[in-house]
Amino acid sequence: MNSPPFDFDYIRELVRQQSAVVLGAEKKYLADLHLGSVAERSGFSSIAAFVEELKHTPFGTLHVQAVEALLTNETSFFRDLYPFEALRTDVLLHMIQQRQQERSLTIWCAGCSYGQEPYSIAILIQEYFPELADWSLQLIASDVSGRVLARLKQGSYTQLEVNRGLSFTLRDKYFRKQQDLWQISDTIRQMLTVRQLNLIHEWKALPMIDIIFLRNVLIYFDIETKISILQKIRQQLRPDGYLFLGGGETVFDIDSQFESVRINQSICHRLRSP
């Protein structure tokens, strides 16, 4: 869609207020790329006309669609691999030992996008930890976007998506081909508890967590938001739990109550002992 100039500063502020994601001025191309289709579907002749409507109407569905269109949803199965290896060879073994009495384990994938990460964890558990079959296992997948969560619940992925990170063996074992898409098995899909959750709001609905995956999420926030989220994680993570961040993310100089721990080729974070 060819568009006259539009108020990108308004869009940046809308995204920041609703998601805490910071869009730099250099990210205007994202608005050019993604807002055109949203505007067209909603009956507007240009992005500029769409943005003017947003500016002069109460917050509603169109605003949500604009924000969701500008949130990054990059993900893949077993992304970066090393955190999943740490989970398989060390972390889950340790947690199973620690939780033998209660036989309960809770894992949370925050900002999970289309679900490749939590489904990867579910597949890993199914493959390597049959002893958890009769445990109370809760694998929570959350994201701020209802649009991406709707697709996660469907569990359908394109050929390109299953080619990214999935071996042929795992693909053929846990997916079935349906026309042009690969449908994940009900066994894996039903392992997930899906929740729409905005990280900058309260987390009242969450239980205490043993393992948190918050990978490649903090990079989109300013320092104050990072500090706030890590403070809430400290309250939500059990004292002997584990926090996994993205490869380029750290708690260093942000929250001194976490310590970084190397497990093979992966770095995770744990709460310091009182």
C-alpha atoms as a PDB file:
ATOM      1  CA  MET A   1       0.000   0.000   0.000  1.00  0.00           C
ATOM      2  CA  ASN A   2       1.432   3.421  -0.964  1.00  0.00           C
ATOM      3  CA  SER A   3       1.142   5.706   2.021  1.00  0.00           C
ATOM      4  CA  PRO A   4       1.685   9.378   2.695  1.00  0.00           C
ATOM      5  CA  PRO A   5       3.770  10.220   5.787  1.00  0.00           C
ATOM      6  CA  PHE A   6       2.265   9.045   9.062  1.00  0.00           C
ATOM      7  CA  ASP A   7       2.868   9.774  12.744  1.00  0.00           C
ATOM      8  CA  PHE A   8       5.414   7.107  13.647  1.00  0.00           C
ATOM      9  CA  ASP A   9       6.088   8.719  17.038  1.00  0.00           C
ATOM     10  CA  TYR A  10       2.466   8.037  17.981  1.00  0.00           C
ATOM     11  CA  ILE A  11       2.855   4.396  16.942  1.00  0.00           C
ATOM     12  CA  ARG A  12       6.088   4.068  18.933  1.00  0.00           C
ATOM     13  CA  GLU A  13       4.386   5.440  22.033  1.00  0.00           C
ATOM     14  CA  LEU A  14       1.338   3.209  21.549  1.00  0.00           C
ATOM     15  CA  VAL A  15       3.557   0.113  21.349  1.00  0.00           C
ATOM     16  CA  ARG A  16       5.585   1.233  24.389  1.00  0.00           C
ATOM     17  CA  GLN A  17       2.492   1.889  26.516  1.00  0.00           C
ATOM     18  CA  GLN A  18       0.814  -1.397  25.647  1.00  0.00           C
ATOM     19  CA  SER A  19       3.792  -3.774  25.620  1.00  0.00           C
ATOM     20  CA  ALA A  20       6.832  -1.844  26.975  1.00  0.00           C
ATOM     21  CA  VAL A  21       8.620  -2.742  23.726  1.00  0.00           C
ATOM     22  CA  VAL A  22      10.854   0.109  22.613  1.00  0.00           C
ATOM     23  CA  LEU A  23      10.867   0.861  18.885  1.00  0.00           C
ATOM     24  CA  GLY A  24      13.798   3.030  17.896  1.00  0.00           C
ATOM     25  CA  ALA A  25      13.378   5.670  15.203  1.00  0.00           C
ATOM     26  CA  GLU A  26      15.270   3.350  12.849  1.00  0.00           C
ATOM     27  CA  LYS A  27      12.446   0.791  13.149  1.00  0.00           C
ATOM     28  CA  LYS A  28      10.041   2.838  11.047  1.00  0.00           C
ATOM     29  CA  TYR A  29      10.521   0.327   8.260  1.00  0.00           C
ATOM     30  CA  LEU A  30       8.668  -2.211  10.431  1.00  0.00           C
ATOM     31  CA  ALA A  31       5.630   0.042  10.465  1.00  0.00           C
ATOM     32  CA  ASP A  32       5.922   0.566   6.712  1.00  0.00           C
ATOM     33  CA  LEU A  33       6.179  -3.194   6.255  1.00  0.00           C
ATOM     34  CA  HIS A  34       3.477  -4.436   8.618  1.00  0.00           C
ATOM     35  CA  LEU A  35       0.877  -1.721   9.170  1.00  0.00           C
ATOM     36  CA  GLY A  36      -0.127  -1.477   5.510  1.00  0.00           C
ATOM     37  CA  SER A  37      -1.882  -4.846   5.511  1.00  0.00           C
ATOM     38  CA  VAL A  38      -3.600  -4.075   8.831  1.00  0.00           C
ATOM     39  CA  ALA A  39      -4.833  -0.741   7.463  1.00  0.00           C
ATOM     40  CA  GLU A  40      -6.022  -2.311   4.226  1.00  0.00           C
ATOM     41  CA  ARG A  41      -7.924  -5.120   5.985  1.00  0.00           C
ATOM     42  CA  SER A  42      -9.614  -2.497   8.155  1.00  0.00           C
ATOM     43  CA  GLY A  43     -10.763  -0.476   5.144  1.00  0.00           C
ATOM     44  CA  PHE A  44      -8.322   2.445   5.264  1.00  0.00           C
ATOM     45  CA  SER A  45      -6.745   3.934   2.155  1.00  0.00           C
ATOM     46  CA  SER A  46      -3.328   4.374   3.743  1.00  0.00           C
ATOM     47  CA  ILE A  47      -1.295   3.820   6.899  1.00  0.00           C
ATOM     48  CA  ALA A  48      -1.601   7.548   7.572  1.00  0.00           C
ATOM     49  CA  ALA A  49      -5.411   7.371   7.540  1.00  0.00           C
ATOM     50  CA  PHE A  50      -5.280   4.305   9.805  1.00  0.00           C
ATOM     51  CA  VAL A  51      -2.980   6.036  12.304  1.00  0.00           C
ATOM     52  CA  GLU A  52      -5.167   9.153  12.369  1.00  0.00           C
ATOM     53  CA  GLU A  53      -8.134   6.928  13.239  1.00  0.00           C
ATOM     54  CA  LEU A  54      -6.151   5.369  16.071  1.00  0.00           C
ATOM     55  CA  LYS A  55      -5.176   8.788  17.402  1.00  0.00           C
ATOM     56  CA  HIS A  56      -8.743  10.046  17.594  1.00  0.00           C
ATOM     57  CA  THR A  57     -10.655   7.018  18.894  1.00  0.00           C
ATOM     58  CA  PRO A  58     -10.653   5.262  22.279  1.00  0.00           C
ATOM     59  CA  PHE A  59      -8.323   2.307  22.657  1.00  0.00           C
ATOM     60  CA  GLY A  60      -9.829  -0.769  21.022  1.00  0.00           C
ATOM     61  CA  THR A  61      -9.415  -3.624  18.581  1.00  0.00           C
ATOM     62  CA  LEU A  62      -7.656  -1.567  15.910  1.00  0.00           C
ATOM     63  CA  HIS A  63      -5.046  -0.400  18.407  1.00  0.00           C
ATOM     64  CA  VAL A  64      -4.435  -3.996  19.495  1.00  0.00           C
ATOM     65  CA  GLN A  65      -3.985  -5.076  15.879  1.00  0.00           C
ATOM     66  CA  ALA A  66      -1.493  -2.251  15.287  1.00  0.00           C
ATOM     67  CA  VAL A  67       0.571  -3.171  18.341  1.00  0.00           C
ATOM     68  CA  GLU A  68       0.563  -6.898  17.588  1.00  0.00           C
ATOM     69  CA  ALA A  69       1.644  -6.240  14.003  1.00  0.00           C
ATOM     70  CA  LEU A  70       4.810  -4.540  15.281  1.00  0.00           C
ATOM     71  CA  LEU A  71       5.892  -7.082  17.889  1.00  0.00           C
ATOM     72  CA  THR A  72       8.703  -9.390  16.823  1.00  0.00           C
ATOM     73  CA  ASN A  73       7.685 -13.055  16.625  1.00  0.00           C
ATOM     74  CA  GLU A  74      10.974 -14.592  15.506  1.00  0.00           C
ATOM     75  CA  THR A  75      11.366 -18.123  16.874  1.00  0.00           C
ATOM     76  CA  SER A  76      12.190 -21.689  15.865  1.00  0.00           C
ATOM     77  CA  PHE A  77      12.193 -25.223  17.234  1.00  0.00           C
ATOM     78  CA  PHE A  78      15.081 -25.956  19.637  1.00  0.00           C
ATOM     79  CA  ARG A  79      16.407 -22.462  18.965  1.00  0.00           C
ATOM     80  CA  ASP A  80      20.139 -22.133  19.737  1.00  0.00           C
ATOM     81  CA  LEU A  81      20.059 -25.773  20.927  1.00  0.00           C
ATOM     82  CA  TYR A  82      22.388 -25.333  23.942  1.00  0.00           C
ATOM     83  CA  PRO A  83      19.663 -24.328  26.463  1.00  0.00           C
ATOM     84  CA  PHE A  84      17.712 -27.445  25.515  1.00  0.00           C
ATOM     85  CA  GLU A  85      20.838 -29.579  25.934  1.00  0.00           C
ATOM     86  CA  ALA A  86      21.319 -28.060  29.402  1.00  0.00           C
ATOM     87  CA  LEU A  87      17.699 -28.836  30.172  1.00  0.00           C
ATOM     88  CA  ARG A  88      18.123 -32.458  29.064  1.00  0.00           C
ATOM     89  CA  THR A  89      21.518 -33.272  30.573  1.00  0.00           C
ATOM     90  CA  ASP A  90      21.403 -31.315  33.824  1.00  0.00           C
ATOM     91  CA  VAL A  91      18.494 -29.079  34.793  1.00  0.00           C
ATOM     92  CA  LEU A  92      15.590 -31.516  34.518  1.00  0.00           C
ATOM     93  CA  LEU A  93      17.586 -34.291  36.153  1.00  0.00           C
ATOM     94  CA  HIS A  94      18.342 -31.982  39.071  1.00  0.00           C
ATOM     95  CA  MET A  95      14.763 -30.769  39.373  1.00  0.00           C
ATOM     96  CA  ILE A  96      13.372 -34.307  39.253  1.00  0.00           C
ATOM     97  CA  GLN A  97      15.674 -35.238  42.124  1.00  0.00           C
ATOM     98  CA  GLN A  98      14.666 -32.135  44.100  1.00  0.00           C
ATOM     99  CA  ARG A  99      10.942 -32.656  43.530  1.00  0.00           C
ATOM    100  CA  GLN A 100      10.723 -36.400  44.247  1.00  0.00           C
ATOM    101  CA  GLN A 101       8.532 -35.864  47.289  1.00  0.00           C
ATOM    102  CA  GLU A 102       5.957 -33.560  45.735  1.00  0.00           C
ATOM    103  CA  ARG A 103       6.222 -35.020  42.209  1.00  0.00           C
ATOM    104  CA  SER A 104       5.291 -31.680  40.715  1.00  0.00           C
ATOM    105  CA  LEU A 105       7.110 -29.496  38.191  1.00  0.00           C
ATOM    106  CA  THR A 106       6.165 -26.190  36.599  1.00  0.00           C
ATOM    107  CA  ILE A 107       7.911 -24.694  33.562  1.00  0.00           C
ATOM    108  CA  TRP A 108       7.032 -21.331  32.048  1.00  0.00           C
ATOM    109  CA  CYS A 109       7.898 -20.102  28.537  1.00  0.00           C
ATOM    110  CA  ALA A 110       7.231 -16.356  28.540  1.00  0.00           C
ATOM    111  CA  GLY A 111       6.950 -14.421  25.300  1.00  0.00           C
ATOM    112  CA  CYS A 112       6.653 -17.734  23.483  1.00  0.00           C
ATOM    113  CA  SER A 113       5.314 -16.396  20.174  1.00  0.00           C
ATOM    114  CA  TYR A 114       3.957 -19.168  17.910  1.00  0.00           C
ATOM    115  CA  GLY A 115       4.928 -21.908  20.367  1.00  0.00           C
ATOM    116  CA  GLN A 116       8.029 -23.542  18.929  1.00  0.00           C
ATOM    117  CA  GLU A 117       9.899 -23.125  22.218  1.00  0.00           C
ATOM    118  CA  PRO A 118       7.326 -24.663  24.612  1.00  0.00           C
ATOM    119  CA  TYR A 119       6.554 -27.407  22.082  1.00  0.00           C
ATOM    120  CA  SER A 120      10.291 -28.135  21.885  1.00  0.00           C
ATOM    121  CA  ILE A 121      10.383 -28.541  25.667  1.00  0.00           C
ATOM    122  CA  ALA A 122       7.316 -30.783  25.556  1.00  0.00           C
ATOM    123  CA  ILE A 123       8.955 -32.972  22.887  1.00  0.00           C
ATOM    124  CA  LEU A 124      12.179 -33.133  24.899  1.00  0.00           C
ATOM    125  CA  ILE A 125      10.272 -34.266  27.997  1.00  0.00           C
ATOM    126  CA  GLN A 126       8.323 -36.830  25.999  1.00  0.00           C
ATOM    127  CA  GLU A 127      11.554 -38.175  24.474  1.00  0.00           C
ATOM    128  CA  TYR A 128      13.838 -38.323  27.498  1.00  0.00           C
ATOM    129  CA  PHE A 129      11.813 -38.155  30.716  1.00  0.00           C
ATOM    130  CA  PRO A 130       9.064 -40.799  30.716  1.00  0.00           C
ATOM    131  CA  GLU A 131       9.173 -40.779  34.518  1.00  0.00           C
ATOM    132  CA  LEU A 132       7.358 -37.408  34.433  1.00  0.00           C
ATOM    133  CA  ALA A 133       4.284 -39.019  32.847  1.00  0.00           C
ATOM    134  CA  ASP A 134       2.629 -39.540  36.227  1.00  0.00           C
ATOM    135  CA  TRP A 135       3.842 -36.273  37.751  1.00  0.00           C
ATOM    136  CA  SER A 136       1.848 -33.066  38.025  1.00  0.00           C
ATOM    137  CA  LEU A 137       3.609 -31.340  35.140  1.00  0.00           C
ATOM    138  CA  GLN A 138       2.539 -27.862  34.083  1.00  0.00           C
ATOM    139  CA  LEU A 139       4.126 -26.344  30.981  1.00  0.00           C
ATOM    140  CA  ILE A 140       2.837 -22.779  30.664  1.00  0.00           C
ATOM    141  CA  ALA A 141       3.159 -20.951  27.344  1.00  0.00           C
ATOM    142  CA  SER A 142       2.377 -17.230  27.431  1.00  0.00           C
ATOM    143  CA  ASP A 143       2.530 -14.259  25.123  1.00  0.00           C
ATOM    144  CA  VAL A 144       1.060 -10.775  25.031  1.00  0.00           C
ATOM    145  CA  SER A 145      -0.473 -11.383  21.598  1.00  0.00           C
ATOM    146  CA  GLY A 146      -3.766 -13.213  21.323  1.00  0.00           C
ATOM    147  CA  ARG A 147      -3.152 -13.547  17.587  1.00  0.00           C
ATOM    148  CA  VAL A 148       0.015 -15.618  17.962  1.00  0.00           C
ATOM    149  CA  LEU A 149      -1.480 -17.674  20.796  1.00  0.00           C
ATOM    150  CA  ALA A 150      -4.417 -18.636  18.592  1.00  0.00           C
ATOM    151  CA  ARG A 151      -1.965 -20.113  16.132  1.00  0.00           C
ATOM    152  CA  LEU A 152       0.032 -21.783  18.910  1.00  0.00           C
ATOM    153  CA  LYS A 153      -3.125 -23.561  20.075  1.00  0.00           C
ATOM    154  CA  GLN A 154      -3.666 -24.888  16.562  1.00  0.00           C
ATOM    155  CA  GLY A 155      -0.153 -26.337  16.513  1.00  0.00           C
ATOM    156  CA  SER A 156       0.188 -26.104  12.705  1.00  0.00           C
ATOM    157  CA  TYR A 157       3.466 -25.120  11.088  1.00  0.00           C
ATOM    158  CA  THR A 158       4.741 -24.549   7.567  1.00  0.00           C
ATOM    159  CA  GLN A 159       7.412 -26.646   5.887  1.00  0.00           C
ATOM    160  CA  LEU A 160       9.929 -23.854   6.455  1.00  0.00           C
ATOM    161  CA  GLU A 161       9.085 -23.672  10.162  1.00  0.00           C
ATOM    162  CA  VAL A 162       9.496 -27.403  10.799  1.00  0.00           C
ATOM    163  CA  ASN A 163      12.749 -27.353   8.814  1.00  0.00           C
ATOM    164  CA  ARG A 164      14.178 -24.873  11.327  1.00  0.00           C
ATOM    165  CA  GLY A 165      15.473 -26.890  14.272  1.00  0.00           C
ATOM    166  CA  LEU A 166      13.521 -30.148  13.936  1.00  0.00           C
ATOM    167  CA  SER A 167      15.210 -33.357  12.880  1.00  0.00           C
ATOM    168  CA  PHE A 168      13.346 -35.525  10.396  1.00  0.00           C
ATOM    169  CA  THR A 169      13.028 -38.139  13.153  1.00  0.00           C
ATOM    170  CA  LEU A 170      11.279 -35.787  15.584  1.00  0.00           C
ATOM    171  CA  ARG A 171       9.190 -34.250  12.820  1.00  0.00           C
ATOM    172  CA  ASP A 172       7.871 -37.606  11.646  1.00  0.00           C
ATOM    173  CA  LYS A 173       7.328 -38.833  15.201  1.00  0.00           C
ATOM    174  CA  TYR A 174       5.429 -35.834  16.581  1.00  0.00           C
ATOM    175  CA  PHE A 175       3.860 -34.196  13.509  1.00  0.00           C
ATOM    176  CA  ARG A 176       1.605 -35.300  10.681  1.00  0.00           C
ATOM    177  CA  LYS A 177       1.391 -33.710   7.264  1.00  0.00           C
ATOM    178  CA  GLN A 178      -1.908 -32.036   6.447  1.00  0.00           C
ATOM    179  CA  GLN A 179      -1.827 -30.566   2.953  1.00  0.00           C
ATOM    180  CA  ASP A 180       0.830 -27.799   3.122  1.00  0.00           C
ATOM    181  CA  LEU A 181       1.126 -27.757   6.918  1.00  0.00           C
ATOM    182  CA  TRP A 182       2.565 -29.977   9.638  1.00  0.00           C
ATOM    183  CA  GLN A 183       0.203 -30.574  12.562  1.00  0.00           C
ATOM    184  CA  ILE A 184       1.751 -31.324  15.953  1.00  0.00           C
ATOM    185  CA  SER A 185       0.375 -34.361  17.763  1.00  0.00           C
ATOM    186  CA  ASP A 186      -2.422 -33.952  20.290  1.00  0.00           C
ATOM    187  CA  THR A 187      -0.209 -35.619  22.900  1.00  0.00           C
ATOM    188  CA  ILE A 188       2.295 -32.764  22.681  1.00  0.00           C
ATOM    189  CA  ARG A 189      -0.252 -30.001  22.139  1.00  0.00           C
ATOM    190  CA  GLN A 190      -2.210 -30.990  25.227  1.00  0.00           C
ATOM    191  CA  MET A 191       0.895 -30.741  27.408  1.00  0.00           C
ATOM    192  CA  LEU A 192       0.741 -26.948  27.162  1.00  0.00           C
ATOM    193  CA  THR A 193      -1.266 -24.551  29.305  1.00  0.00           C
ATOM    194  CA  VAL A 194      -1.700 -21.433  27.169  1.00  0.00           C
ATOM    195  CA  ARG A 195      -2.181 -18.010  28.755  1.00  0.00           C
ATOM    196  CA  GLN A 196      -2.295 -14.497  27.375  1.00  0.00           C
ATOM    197  CA  LEU A 197      -0.052 -12.451  29.629  1.00  0.00           C
ATOM    198  CA  ASN A 198       1.502  -9.004  29.362  1.00  0.00           C
ATOM    199  CA  LEU A 199       4.839  -9.039  31.195  1.00  0.00           C
ATOM    200  CA  ILE A 200       4.489  -5.409  32.287  1.00  0.00           C
ATOM    201  CA  HIS A 201       1.206  -6.142  34.075  1.00  0.00           C
ATOM    202  CA  GLU A 202       0.640  -8.208  37.240  1.00  0.00           C
ATOM    203  CA  TRP A 203       1.240 -11.965  37.106  1.00  0.00           C
ATOM    204  CA  LYS A 204      -1.446 -12.979  39.599  1.00  0.00           C
ATOM    205  CA  ALA A 205      -2.590 -16.019  37.611  1.00  0.00           C
ATOM    206  CA  LEU A 206       0.821 -17.697  37.667  1.00  0.00           C
ATOM    207  CA  PRO A 207       1.870 -20.373  40.179  1.00  0.00           C
ATOM    208  CA  MET A 208       5.393 -20.551  41.576  1.00  0.00           C
ATOM    209  CA  ILE A 209       7.737 -21.671  38.789  1.00  0.00           C
ATOM    210  CA  ASP A 210      10.640 -24.153  38.767  1.00  0.00           C
ATOM    211  CA  ILE A 211      12.101 -23.280  35.358  1.00  0.00           C
ATOM    212  CA  ILE A 212      11.532 -20.062  33.396  1.00  0.00           C
ATOM    213  CA  PHE A 213      12.407 -19.587  29.732  1.00  0.00           C
ATOM    214  CA  LEU A 214      12.437 -15.833  28.991  1.00  0.00           C
ATOM    215  CA  ARG A 215      14.655 -16.003  25.948  1.00  0.00           C
ATOM    216  CA  ASN A 216      15.173 -13.134  23.498  1.00  0.00           C
ATOM    217  CA  VAL A 217      12.481 -11.049  25.181  1.00  0.00           C
ATOM    218  CA  LEU A 218      14.295  -8.595  27.483  1.00  0.00           C
ATOM    219  CA  ILE A 219      16.254  -7.193  24.526  1.00  0.00           C
ATOM    220  CA  TYR A 220      13.127  -5.312  23.419  1.00  0.00           C
ATOM    221  CA  PHE A 221      12.678  -3.429  26.725  1.00  0.00           C
ATOM    222  CA  ASP A 222      14.317  -0.382  28.282  1.00  0.00           C
ATOM    223  CA  ILE A 223      16.415  -0.791  31.429  1.00  0.00           C
ATOM    224  CA  GLU A 224      13.612   0.174  33.839  1.00  0.00           C
ATOM    225  CA  THR A 225      11.304  -2.454  32.372  1.00  0.00           C
ATOM    226  CA  LYS A 226      14.048  -5.089  32.517  1.00  0.00           C
ATOM    227  CA  ILE A 227      14.613  -4.322  36.201  1.00  0.00           C
ATOM    228  CA  SER A 228      10.878  -4.533  36.924  1.00  0.00           C
ATOM    229  CA  ILE A 229      10.463  -7.852  35.115  1.00  0.00           C
ATOM    230  CA  LEU A 230      13.482  -9.426  36.818  1.00  0.00           C
ATOM    231  CA  GLN A 231      12.121  -8.310  40.202  1.00  0.00           C
ATOM    232  CA  LYS A 232       8.838 -10.063  39.444  1.00  0.00           C
ATOM    233  CA  ILE A 233      10.721 -13.159  38.269  1.00  0.00           C
ATOM    234  CA  ARG A 234      12.496 -13.285  41.639  1.00  0.00           C
ATOM    235  CA  GLN A 235       9.100 -13.423  43.324  1.00  0.00           C
ATOM    236  CA  GLN A 236       7.780 -16.072  40.917  1.00  0.00           C
ATOM    237  CA  LEU A 237      10.811 -18.386  40.688  1.00  0.00           C
ATOM    238  CA  ARG A 238      11.235 -21.014  43.368  1.00  0.00           C
ATOM    239  CA  PRO A 239      14.459 -20.565  45.380  1.00  0.00           C
ATOM    240  CA  ASP A 240      16.243 -23.469  43.661  1.00  0.00           C
ATOM    241  CA  GLY A 241      14.781 -22.725  40.218  1.00  0.00           C
ATOM    242  CA  TYR A 242      16.400 -21.820  36.912  1.00  0.00           C
ATOM    243  CA  LEU A 243      16.024 -18.833  34.579  1.00  0.00           C
ATOM    244  CA  PHE A 244      17.068 -19.081  30.921  1.00  0.00           C
ATOM    245  CA  LEU A 245      17.595 -15.876  28.939  1.00  0.00           C
ATOM    246  CA  GLY A 246      18.625 -15.410  25.321  1.00  0.00           C
ATOM    247  CA  GLY A 247      22.228 -15.763  24.232  1.00  0.00           C
ATOM    248  CA  GLY A 248      22.717 -11.994  24.051  1.00  0.00           C
ATOM    249  CA  GLU A 249      20.907 -11.209  27.317  1.00  0.00           C
ATOM    250  CA  THR A 250      22.290 -10.976  30.835  1.00  0.00           C
ATOM    251  CA  VAL A 251      21.359 -10.043  34.408  1.00  0.00           C
ATOM    252  CA  PHE A 252      24.812  -8.512  34.931  1.00  0.00           C
ATOM    253  CA  ASP A 253      24.518  -4.937  36.275  1.00  0.00           C
ATOM    254  CA  ILE A 254      20.712  -5.257  36.213  1.00  0.00           C
ATOM    255  CA  ASP A 255      19.807  -7.513  39.151  1.00  0.00           C
ATOM    256  CA  SER A 256      22.523  -8.587  41.597  1.00  0.00           C
ATOM    257  CA  GLN A 257      20.272 -11.160  43.274  1.00  0.00           C
ATOM    258  CA  PHE A 258      20.783 -13.511  40.331  1.00  0.00           C
ATOM    259  CA  GLU A 259      23.984 -15.401  39.638  1.00  0.00           C
ATOM    260  CA  SER A 260      24.973 -16.813  36.258  1.00  0.00           C
ATOM    261  CA  VAL A 261      25.756 -20.525  35.997  1.00  0.00           C
ATOM    262  CA  ARG A 262      27.404 -22.271  33.049  1.00  0.00           C
ATOM    263  CA  ILE A 263      26.010 -25.672  32.092  1.00  0.00           C
ATOM    264  CA  ASN A 264      28.094 -27.075  29.244  1.00  0.00           C
ATOM    265  CA  GLN A 265      27.678 -24.530  26.413  1.00  0.00           C
ATOM    266  CA  SER A 266      24.720 -22.749  27.984  1.00  0.00           C
ATOM    267  CA  ILE A 267      24.382 -19.988  30.589  1.00  0.00           C
ATOM    268  CA  CYS A 268      21.424 -19.935  32.959  1.00  0.00           C
ATOM    269  CA  HIS A 269      20.640 -17.848  36.025  1.00  0.00           C
ATOM    270  CA  ARG A 270      19.748 -18.788  39.584  1.00  0.00           C
ATOM    271  CA  LEU A 271      18.804 -16.873  42.687  1.00  0.00           C
ATOM    272  CA  ARG A 272      21.675 -16.201  45.044  1.00  0.00           C
ATOM    273  CA  SER A 273      21.439 -17.890  48.443  1.00  0.00           C
ATOM    274  CA  PRO A 274      20.236 -15.546  51.197  1.00  0.00           C
END
